[in-house]
N, C-alpha and C. Protein backbone atom coordinates (compact mmCIF):
# COMPACT_ATOMS: atom_id res chain seq x y z
N ASP A 1 -7.31 -17.01 1.75
CA ASP A 1 -8.08 -16.34 0.81
C ASP A 1 -7.52 -16.60 -0.90
N ARG A 2 -6.62 -17.92 -1.05
CA ARG A 2 -6.13 -18.28 -2.03
C ARG A 2 -5.89 -16.80 -2.74
N VAL A 3 -5.19 -15.82 -2.31
CA VAL A 3 -3.92 -14.66 -2.96
C VAL A 3 -2.42 -14.89 -2.86
N LEU A 4 -2.32 -15.09 -3.90
CA LEU A 4 -0.51 -15.22 -4.17
C LEU A 4 -0.11 -13.86 -3.84
N ASN A 5 1.18 -13.55 -3.33
CA ASN A 5 1.85 -12.08 -3.41
C ASN A 5 2.53 -12.33 -4.12
N VAL A 6 3.47 -11.64 -5.13
CA VAL A 6 4.39 -12.21 -6.20
C VAL A 6 5.55 -11.00 -5.00
N CYS A 7 6.22 -11.17 -4.76
CA CYS A 7 7.23 -9.81 -4.08
C CYS A 7 8.16 -9.75 -5.11
N GLU A 8 8.36 -8.18 -5.42
CA GLU A 8 9.77 -7.65 -6.13
C GLU A 8 10.36 -6.59 -5.37
N MET A 9 11.72 -6.93 -4.64
CA MET A 9 12.06 -6.10 -3.86
C MET A 9 13.42 -5.07 -3.72
N LYS A 10 13.60 -3.65 -4.11
CA LYS A 10 14.41 -3.09 -4.61
C LYS A 10 14.29 -1.62 -3.62
N PHE A 11 15.85 -2.08 -3.34
CA PHE A 11 16.64 -0.99 -2.17
C PHE A 11 17.30 -0.19 -3.55
N LEU A 12 16.95 1.11 -3.94
CA LEU A 12 17.41 2.16 -4.67
C LEU A 12 17.43 3.38 -3.93
N LYS A 13 17.82 4.69 -4.38
CA LYS A 13 17.73 5.96 -4.26
C LYS A 13 17.23 6.97 -4.72
N SER A 14 16.62 6.42 -5.60
CA SER A 14 15.10 6.83 -5.88
C SER A 14 14.06 5.62 -6.28
N GLU A 15 12.76 6.83 -6.16
CA GLU A 15 11.53 5.72 -6.25
C GLU A 15 11.80 4.39 -7.43
N PHE A 16 11.53 4.05 -7.80
CA PHE A 16 11.78 2.25 -9.03
C PHE A 16 10.61 2.86 -10.01
N ALA A 17 11.00 2.97 -11.02
CA ALA A 17 10.49 3.05 -12.57
C ALA A 17 10.22 2.37 -13.13
N VAL A 18 9.38 1.57 -13.81
CA VAL A 18 8.97 0.18 -14.15
C VAL A 18 9.01 0.80 -15.73
N THR A 19 9.84 0.14 -16.62
CA THR A 19 10.37 -0.08 -17.87
C THR A 19 9.60 -0.92 -18.90
N ASP A 20 9.56 -0.80 -19.53
CA ASP A 20 8.63 -1.57 -21.38
C ASP A 20 9.07 -2.53 -20.92
N ALA A 21 10.65 -2.99 -20.59
CA ALA A 21 11.04 -4.96 -20.66
C ALA A 21 10.61 -5.07 -19.20
N TYR A 22 10.59 -4.48 -17.90
CA TYR A 22 11.26 -5.14 -16.67
C TYR A 22 9.01 -4.93 -16.47
N TYR A 23 8.32 -4.47 -17.10
CA TYR A 23 6.87 -5.07 -16.91
C TYR A 23 6.35 -6.32 -17.86
N HIS A 24 6.94 -6.73 -18.92
CA HIS A 24 6.67 -7.56 -19.68
C HIS A 24 7.73 -8.86 -18.71
N THR A 25 8.51 -9.01 -18.43
CA THR A 25 9.34 -9.80 -17.30
C THR A 25 8.40 -9.70 -16.45
N ILE A 26 7.81 -8.90 -15.37
CA ILE A 26 6.43 -9.62 -14.05
C ILE A 26 5.63 -10.47 -14.81
N GLN A 27 4.94 -9.76 -16.01
CA GLN A 27 4.01 -10.26 -16.70
C GLN A 27 4.33 -11.61 -17.16
N SER A 28 5.58 -12.25 -17.56
CA SER A 28 6.00 -13.42 -17.94
C SER A 28 6.28 -14.12 -16.66
N ARG A 29 6.20 -14.11 -15.92
CA ARG A 29 6.49 -14.68 -14.31
C ARG A 29 4.93 -14.77 -13.93
N ILE A 30 4.37 -13.81 -13.57
CA ILE A 30 2.91 -14.05 -13.43
C ILE A 30 2.13 -15.12 -14.04
N GLU A 31 2.24 -14.75 -15.44
CA GLU A 31 1.66 -15.89 -16.45
C GLU A 31 2.54 -17.64 -16.00
N ARG A 32 3.84 -17.62 -15.50
CA ARG A 32 4.31 -19.15 -15.76
C ARG A 32 3.59 -19.11 -13.86
N LEU A 33 3.63 -18.54 -13.08
CA LEU A 33 2.67 -19.07 -12.28
C LEU A 33 1.62 -19.86 -12.16
N SER A 34 0.47 -19.03 -12.87
CA SER A 34 -0.57 -18.95 -12.47
C SER A 34 -0.72 -20.35 -13.63
N ASN A 35 -0.01 -20.62 -14.11
CA ASN A 35 0.37 -22.30 -15.22
C ASN A 35 0.35 -22.84 -13.75
N LEU A 36 0.98 -23.02 -12.52
CA LEU A 36 1.12 -23.99 -11.87
C LEU A 36 -0.38 -23.79 -10.42
N THR A 37 -0.59 -22.69 -10.74
CA THR A 37 -1.66 -22.91 -9.67
C THR A 37 -3.15 -21.80 -10.25
N SER A 38 -4.28 -22.44 -8.77
CA SER A 38 -5.11 -21.70 -9.17
C SER A 38 -5.67 -20.96 -8.56
N SER A 39 -4.65 -20.45 -7.69
CA SER A 39 -5.06 -19.00 -6.77
C SER A 39 -4.72 -17.63 -7.74
N THR A 40 -5.57 -16.66 -6.85
CA THR A 40 -4.93 -15.15 -7.83
C THR A 40 -3.56 -14.74 -7.38
N ILE A 41 -2.89 -14.44 -8.46
CA ILE A 41 -1.81 -13.76 -8.21
C ILE A 41 -1.78 -12.41 -8.73
N HIS A 42 -1.43 -11.55 -7.39
CA HIS A 42 -1.00 -10.25 -7.11
C HIS A 42 0.57 -9.57 -6.88
N SER A 43 0.83 -8.92 -7.82
CA SER A 43 2.53 -8.56 -7.94
C SER A 43 2.84 -7.47 -6.65
N THR A 44 3.43 -7.31 -6.04
CA THR A 44 3.74 -6.62 -4.59
C THR A 44 5.09 -6.19 -4.88
N LEU A 45 4.84 -4.56 -5.02
CA LEU A 45 6.92 -4.02 -4.73
C LEU A 45 6.85 -3.64 -3.33
N VAL A 46 8.34 -4.11 -3.13
CA VAL A 46 8.68 -3.48 -1.55
C VAL A 46 10.00 -3.15 -1.80
N THR A 47 9.90 -2.07 -1.25
CA THR A 47 11.16 -0.76 -1.54
C THR A 47 11.24 0.16 -0.39
N ASN A 48 12.12 0.72 -0.72
CA ASN A 48 12.68 2.03 -0.07
C ASN A 48 11.93 3.05 0.09
N ARG A 49 12.03 3.24 -1.50
CA ARG A 49 11.41 5.01 -1.91
C ARG A 49 10.06 5.25 -2.84
N GLY A 50 10.02 3.82 -2.67
CA GLY A 50 8.35 4.13 -3.55
C GLY A 50 8.46 3.47 -5.06
N LEU A 51 7.07 3.98 -5.99
CA LEU A 51 7.19 3.55 -7.33
C LEU A 51 6.63 4.82 -8.12
N ALA A 52 7.64 5.39 -8.72
CA ALA A 52 7.40 6.11 -10.05
C ALA A 52 6.32 6.04 -10.98
N TYR A 53 5.40 6.36 -10.57
CA TYR A 53 4.06 6.38 -11.68
C TYR A 53 3.97 6.74 -12.88
N ASN A 54 3.93 5.73 -14.29
CA ASN A 54 3.92 5.83 -15.32
C ASN A 54 3.29 4.56 -15.80
N GLU A 55 3.46 4.32 -17.03
CA GLU A 55 2.33 3.70 -18.04
C GLU A 55 2.53 2.17 -17.94
N TYR A 56 3.92 2.12 -16.84
CA TYR A 56 3.78 0.51 -16.60
C TYR A 56 3.83 0.29 -15.50
N SER A 57 3.69 1.56 -14.53
CA SER A 57 3.92 1.22 -12.72
C SER A 57 2.37 -0.06 -12.45
N SER A 58 1.31 0.12 -13.30
CA SER A 58 -0.04 -1.18 -12.76
C SER A 58 0.77 -2.80 -13.08
N ALA A 59 2.20 -2.67 -12.96
CA ALA A 59 2.49 -4.14 -13.01
C ALA A 59 2.20 -4.17 -11.66
N PHE A 60 1.74 -3.22 -11.05
CA PHE A 60 2.10 -3.70 -9.46
C PHE A 60 0.96 -3.51 -8.68
N GLN A 61 -0.48 -4.59 -8.05
CA GLN A 61 -1.24 -4.33 -7.20
C GLN A 61 -1.10 -3.28 -6.52
N SER A 62 -0.15 -3.26 -5.39
CA SER A 62 0.60 -2.79 -4.41
C SER A 62 1.83 -2.34 -3.85
N VAL A 63 2.26 -1.10 -3.61
CA VAL A 63 3.22 -0.78 -2.95
C VAL A 63 3.58 -0.56 -1.57
N VAL A 64 4.90 -1.17 -0.94
CA VAL A 64 4.92 -1.21 0.57
C VAL A 64 6.56 -0.76 0.32
N THR A 65 6.56 0.20 1.29
CA THR A 65 7.28 1.31 1.35
C THR A 65 8.19 0.70 2.93
N LEU A 66 9.43 1.13 3.30
CA LEU A 66 9.89 0.74 4.33
C LEU A 66 8.76 2.21 5.60
N GLU A 67 8.58 2.97 5.19
CA GLU A 67 7.53 3.43 6.04
C GLU A 67 5.95 3.20 6.41
N ASP A 68 5.47 2.24 5.27
CA ASP A 68 4.58 1.29 5.83
C ASP A 68 5.00 0.15 6.72
N LEU A 69 5.96 -0.31 6.64
CA LEU A 69 6.80 -1.59 7.29
C LEU A 69 6.64 -1.03 8.82
N PHE A 70 7.83 0.19 9.18
CA PHE A 70 7.94 0.69 10.14
C PHE A 70 7.32 1.64 11.34
N ARG A 71 6.18 2.48 10.88
CA ARG A 71 4.87 3.29 11.02
C ARG A 71 4.46 2.71 12.31
N GLU A 72 4.45 3.79 13.17
CA GLU A 72 4.30 3.22 14.56
C GLU A 72 2.62 3.41 15.11
């Protein structure tokens, strides 16, 4: 499908909250990768506790939790 998923993995005691600085870090990584490929790039958060939604949480197109991975 020509989509690359850039995965950020976080193991935390609470939900992961994206800060302004981290938002720009993710955007920079995606921009650098997009210069190397013609594929669509999605950022994906893989975490044990989920994502705290705020003005920067749109940095991730997808969130995968442990519950998603180990659901029966």
